[in-house]
Amino acid sequence: MTNPDDTPARRRLDRALDRLDVIFRGMTARGDENQCDCHWGTEEELARLMVPDLLLDPDLLHRTWDAPDWSDHGAVLRRILPQFARALVGGRVEPMFGMDEVGRSFVRGDWQRWPTDQSEAVEEFLHAWWSHTLAEPDPTVPVHEVLALCAVASATLGPWLGAWEAHEDHVATRHLADAAARWEYSLLGDELPWDSWEDENALCAELAAWLVRHAPARLRVLGAPEELLHRIRLIGLTGPARWEDPHWPDHRY
């Protein structure tokens, strides 16, 4: 039987996941790592992080990536990364507020300063997952959530938006329409649609400028509602020109 997901994007993602398995095989948290047994978990659960390649149950995996106070978050993240990445791709990671929280776990791990083979493997995973998500008609994790994760984890938007531009097909354009509809309220209030630790204002301006420049032509071809196109146009305006426009949606901030 033909596998409907046997595509170049899926094969690239599978290779990236397999590479994480190889690169991070055998890694553990530090032997002297500690956590609060009142708020995080038991000593027995902590000890599981000192055992290489041992699969964690979903609740323990969540508590591990989500905890903000490891003494060596990088070592902990490397320990769980093969399992964590596959859980992310499979839609089995459910942050309380949004995937930007997962991005911050990568930031706490300082992955971009890891040895080259490790950081390159993480970078390729993020790019492969992003490319696969853009190509999927009904991705397991919505496009706007994966973008937030990747942008926060890498502290940049440009490569992710550039990849979106390169996906000019109907599926990626439909994702663009959905994302724009989700973002317009925040962007009309000059706010980034997700939380970011760094350069939030600059990222907001970059996303807004990209949307105004890139989205309208694609969305018109898609047949997107005129109301959405007007709201994207308004994002490119400032001050009274924005909120006194007859198409201002009367948002309250």
Protein backbone atom coordinates (compact mmCIF):
# COMPACT_ATOMS: atom_id res chain seq x y z
CA MET A 1 0.00 0.00 0.00
CA THR A 2 1.30 3.47 -0.88
CA ASN A 3 2.10 5.70 2.06
CA PRO A 4 0.39 9.08 1.41
CA ASP A 5 3.04 10.82 3.49
CA ASP A 6 5.97 9.36 1.53
CA THR A 7 7.02 12.77 0.23
CA PRO A 8 10.40 14.52 -0.04
CA ALA A 9 9.45 16.73 2.92
CA ARG A 10 8.53 13.72 5.05
CA ARG A 11 11.68 11.85 4.09
CA ARG A 12 13.76 14.87 5.02
CA LEU A 13 12.00 15.06 8.38
CA ASP A 14 12.52 11.35 9.02
CA ARG A 15 16.23 11.72 8.26
CA ALA A 16 16.44 14.67 10.67
CA LEU A 17 14.73 12.66 13.42
CA ASP A 18 17.02 9.69 12.82
CA ARG A 19 20.01 12.03 12.99
CA LEU A 20 18.88 13.27 16.40
CA ASP A 21 18.68 9.65 17.54
CA VAL A 22 22.28 9.07 16.50
CA ILE A 23 23.79 12.37 17.67
CA PHE A 24 22.15 12.37 21.11
CA ARG A 25 22.27 8.64 21.81
CA GLY A 26 23.66 7.80 25.22
CA MET A 27 23.34 11.29 26.69
CA THR A 28 22.16 11.93 30.24
CA ALA A 29 21.48 14.76 32.59
CA ARG A 30 24.31 15.64 34.94
CA GLY A 31 24.79 13.23 37.80
CA ASP A 32 24.44 16.06 40.33
CA GLU A 33 21.32 17.54 38.71
CA ASN A 34 18.53 18.19 41.17
CA GLN A 35 14.89 19.25 41.25
CA CYS A 36 12.26 20.09 43.83
CA ASP A 37 10.44 16.90 44.77
CA CYS A 38 7.44 18.97 45.91
CA HIS A 39 6.85 20.70 42.57
CA TRP A 40 8.68 18.74 39.88
CA GLY A 41 8.73 15.03 40.76
CA THR A 42 10.32 12.26 42.73
CA GLU A 43 13.94 11.25 43.16
CA GLU A 44 13.11 8.07 41.23
CA GLU A 45 11.88 10.15 38.29
CA LEU A 46 14.95 12.35 38.42
CA ALA A 47 17.12 9.25 38.38
CA ARG A 48 15.54 8.25 35.04
CA LEU A 49 17.22 11.27 33.46
CA MET A 50 20.59 9.84 34.45
CA VAL A 51 19.88 6.67 32.44
CA PRO A 52 20.63 7.06 28.73
CA ASP A 53 18.00 6.34 26.06
CA LEU A 54 15.30 5.37 28.55
CA LEU A 55 11.91 6.49 27.29
CA LEU A 56 9.98 8.75 29.64
CA ASP A 57 6.26 8.62 30.15
CA PRO A 58 4.43 11.62 28.58
CA ASP A 59 3.85 13.40 31.89
CA LEU A 60 7.49 13.13 32.95
CA LEU A 61 8.63 14.24 29.49
CA HIS A 62 6.40 17.31 29.78
CA ARG A 63 7.63 18.22 33.26
CA THR A 64 11.22 17.79 32.09
CA TRP A 65 11.18 20.08 29.04
CA ASP A 66 8.89 22.57 30.78
CA ALA A 67 10.89 23.03 34.00
CA PRO A 68 12.65 26.42 33.95
CA ASP A 69 15.17 25.81 36.71
CA TRP A 70 17.53 22.98 35.80
CA SER A 71 21.10 23.71 36.79
CA ASP A 72 22.16 22.48 33.33
CA HIS A 73 19.14 22.74 31.05
CA GLY A 74 21.28 22.00 28.01
CA ALA A 75 22.27 18.57 29.32
CA VAL A 76 18.67 17.78 30.23
CA LEU A 77 17.43 18.85 26.80
CA ARG A 78 20.08 16.75 25.04
CA ARG A 79 19.01 13.77 27.17
CA ILE A 80 15.36 13.96 26.07
CA LEU A 81 15.74 15.44 22.59
CA PRO A 82 15.27 12.32 20.40
CA GLN A 83 12.04 11.39 22.20
CA PHE A 84 10.98 15.03 22.56
CA ALA A 85 11.38 15.78 18.85
CA ARG A 86 9.28 12.78 17.84
CA ALA A 87 6.62 13.76 20.37
CA LEU A 88 6.56 17.27 18.92
CA VAL A 89 6.14 16.02 15.36
CA GLY A 90 3.44 13.60 16.48
CA GLY A 91 1.44 16.33 18.20
CA ARG A 92 1.92 14.76 21.62
CA VAL A 93 3.38 17.88 23.27
CA GLU A 94 0.70 20.18 24.66
CA PRO A 95 1.98 23.36 26.30
CA MET A 96 -0.41 25.26 28.51
CA PHE A 97 -0.41 28.42 26.37
CA GLY A 98 1.36 27.82 23.07
CA MET A 99 4.32 26.31 21.25
CA ASP A 100 6.40 29.41 21.98
CA GLU A 101 6.81 27.79 25.41
CA VAL A 102 8.62 24.89 23.74
CA GLY A 103 10.79 27.39 21.89
CA ARG A 104 11.83 28.86 25.21
CA SER A 105 12.89 25.42 26.41
CA PHE A 106 15.29 25.31 23.45
CA VAL A 107 16.51 28.80 24.36
CA ARG A 108 17.16 27.76 27.97
CA GLY A 109 19.17 24.86 26.61
CA ASP A 110 21.33 27.31 24.62
CA TRP A 111 21.36 24.79 21.77
CA GLN A 112 23.00 27.14 19.26
CA ARG A 113 26.19 27.03 21.38
CA TRP A 114 26.36 23.25 21.48
CA PRO A 115 29.11 21.42 19.55
CA THR A 116 28.65 21.85 15.80
CA ASP A 117 27.31 18.38 15.06
CA GLN A 118 24.69 18.78 17.79
CA SER A 119 23.57 22.31 16.91
CA GLU A 120 23.43 21.48 13.20
CA ALA A 121 21.28 18.44 13.93
CA VAL A 122 18.82 20.56 15.93
CA GLU A 123 18.75 23.24 13.25
CA GLU A 124 18.08 20.71 10.51
CA PHE A 125 15.29 19.15 12.57
CA LEU A 126 13.57 22.52 13.01
CA HIS A 127 13.88 23.37 9.31
CA ALA A 128 12.75 19.92 8.18
CA TRP A 129 9.74 19.99 10.50
CA TRP A 130 8.84 23.49 9.31
CA SER A 131 9.07 22.50 5.65
CA HIS A 132 6.97 19.40 6.25
CA THR A 133 4.36 21.40 8.16
CA LEU A 134 4.01 23.92 5.33
CA ALA A 135 3.47 21.09 2.84
CA GLU A 136 0.87 19.24 4.90
CA PRO A 137 -2.81 20.04 4.15
CA ASP A 138 -3.74 19.23 7.76
CA PRO A 139 -0.55 19.32 9.84
CA THR A 140 -0.57 17.70 13.25
CA VAL A 141 0.67 20.96 14.79
CA PRO A 142 -0.76 24.10 13.13
CA VAL A 143 1.58 26.20 11.02
CA HIS A 144 1.28 29.30 13.19
CA GLU A 145 2.29 27.27 16.26
CA VAL A 146 5.31 25.68 14.60
CA LEU A 147 6.42 29.11 13.38
CA ALA A 148 6.20 30.52 16.90
CA LEU A 149 8.30 27.63 18.24
CA CYS A 150 10.95 27.96 15.54
CA ALA A 151 11.11 31.76 15.79
CA VAL A 152 11.52 31.72 19.58
CA ALA A 153 13.99 28.82 19.54
CA SER A 154 16.21 30.52 16.95
CA ALA A 155 15.55 34.17 17.95
CA THR A 156 14.91 34.98 14.29
CA LEU A 157 12.05 35.10 11.81
CA GLY A 158 13.75 35.59 8.46
CA PRO A 159 14.63 31.98 7.55
CA TRP A 160 11.18 30.69 8.45
CA LEU A 161 9.36 33.38 6.51
CA GLY A 162 11.74 32.90 3.60
CA ALA A 163 10.90 29.21 3.50
CA TRP A 164 7.20 30.06 3.52
CA GLU A 165 7.72 32.33 0.50
CA ALA A 166 9.44 29.48 -1.32
CA HIS A 167 6.37 27.26 -0.77
CA GLU A 168 4.12 28.89 -3.36
CA ASP A 169 1.58 26.07 -3.64
CA HIS A 170 -2.08 26.14 -2.67
CA VAL A 171 -1.54 24.32 0.63
CA ALA A 172 1.07 26.77 1.95
CA THR A 173 -1.07 29.70 0.79
CA ARG A 174 -4.08 28.33 2.63
CA HIS A 175 -1.91 28.10 5.76
CA LEU A 176 -0.96 31.74 5.17
CA ALA A 177 -4.61 32.78 5.07
CA ASP A 178 -5.31 30.92 8.31
CA ALA A 179 -2.28 32.41 10.05
CA ALA A 180 -3.09 35.94 8.88
CA ALA A 181 -6.63 35.62 10.24
CA ARG A 182 -5.18 34.51 13.60
CA TRP A 183 -2.52 37.23 13.68
CA GLU A 184 -4.44 40.32 12.52
CA TYR A 185 -5.82 41.25 15.94
CA SER A 186 -2.38 41.24 17.58
CA LEU A 187 -0.60 42.92 14.67
CA LEU A 188 -3.21 45.69 14.46
CA GLY A 189 -2.35 46.34 18.10
CA ASP A 190 1.37 46.32 17.24
CA GLU A 191 1.92 43.18 19.27
CA LEU A 192 3.68 39.97 18.30
CA PRO A 193 1.13 37.10 18.16
CA TRP A 194 3.27 35.02 20.54
CA ASP A 195 5.50 35.72 23.53
CA SER A 196 9.19 36.21 22.86
CA TRP A 197 12.05 36.78 25.26
CA GLU A 198 14.13 38.78 22.80
CA ASP A 199 13.49 41.64 20.35
CA GLU A 200 9.73 41.32 20.53
CA ASN A 201 9.11 44.74 18.96
CA ALA A 202 11.55 44.08 16.13
CA LEU A 203 10.06 40.65 15.44
CA CYS A 204 6.58 42.13 15.43
CA ALA A 205 7.62 44.79 12.93
CA GLU A 206 9.32 42.17 10.75
CA LEU A 207 6.29 39.87 10.74
CA ALA A 208 3.92 42.75 10.01
CA ALA A 209 6.06 44.08 7.14
CA TRP A 210 6.39 40.60 5.64
CA LEU A 211 2.66 39.96 5.84
CA VAL A 212 1.79 43.30 4.22
CA ARG A 213 4.35 42.78 1.46
CA HIS A 214 3.93 39.12 0.74
CA ALA A 215 0.43 37.97 1.66
CA PRO A 216 -2.07 40.04 -0.38
CA ALA A 217 -1.19 38.77 -3.84
CA ARG A 218 -1.20 35.15 -2.70
CA LEU A 219 -4.43 35.50 -0.76
CA ARG A 220 -6.24 37.17 -3.65
CA VAL A 221 -5.41 34.21 -5.86
CA LEU A 222 -6.76 31.96 -3.10
CA GLY A 223 -9.99 33.96 -2.99
CA ALA A 224 -9.54 35.12 0.60
CA PRO A 225 -12.25 37.40 2.06
CA GLU A 226 -11.89 41.10 1.27
CA GLU A 227 -12.25 41.81 4.98
CA LEU A 228 -9.03 39.90 5.68
CA LEU A 229 -7.21 41.67 2.85
CA HIS A 230 -8.27 45.05 4.24
CA ARG A 231 -7.01 44.13 7.70
CA ILE A 232 -3.65 43.13 6.28
CA ARG A 233 -3.55 46.47 4.44
CA LEU A 234 -4.30 48.28 7.72
CA ILE A 235 -1.37 46.53 9.41
CA GLY A 236 0.85 48.49 7.01
CA LEU A 237 -0.59 51.81 8.22
CA THR A 238 0.12 53.66 11.46
CA GLY A 239 -1.68 56.07 13.77
CA PRO A 240 -4.96 57.69 12.65
CA ALA A 241 -4.49 56.38 9.12
CA ARG A 242 -5.05 52.93 10.57
CA TRP A 243 -7.89 53.36 13.04
CA GLU A 244 -9.76 56.07 11.10
CA ASP A 245 -9.82 53.96 7.95
CA PRO A 246 -13.41 52.92 7.05
CA HIS A 247 -12.33 49.28 7.19
CA TRP A 248 -10.94 49.50 10.74
CA PRO A 249 -12.52 46.48 12.51
CA ASP A 250 -13.21 48.37 15.76
CA HIS A 251 -10.88 46.18 17.79
CA ARG A 252 -10.48 47.15 21.44
CA TYR A 253 -7.08 46.92 23.15
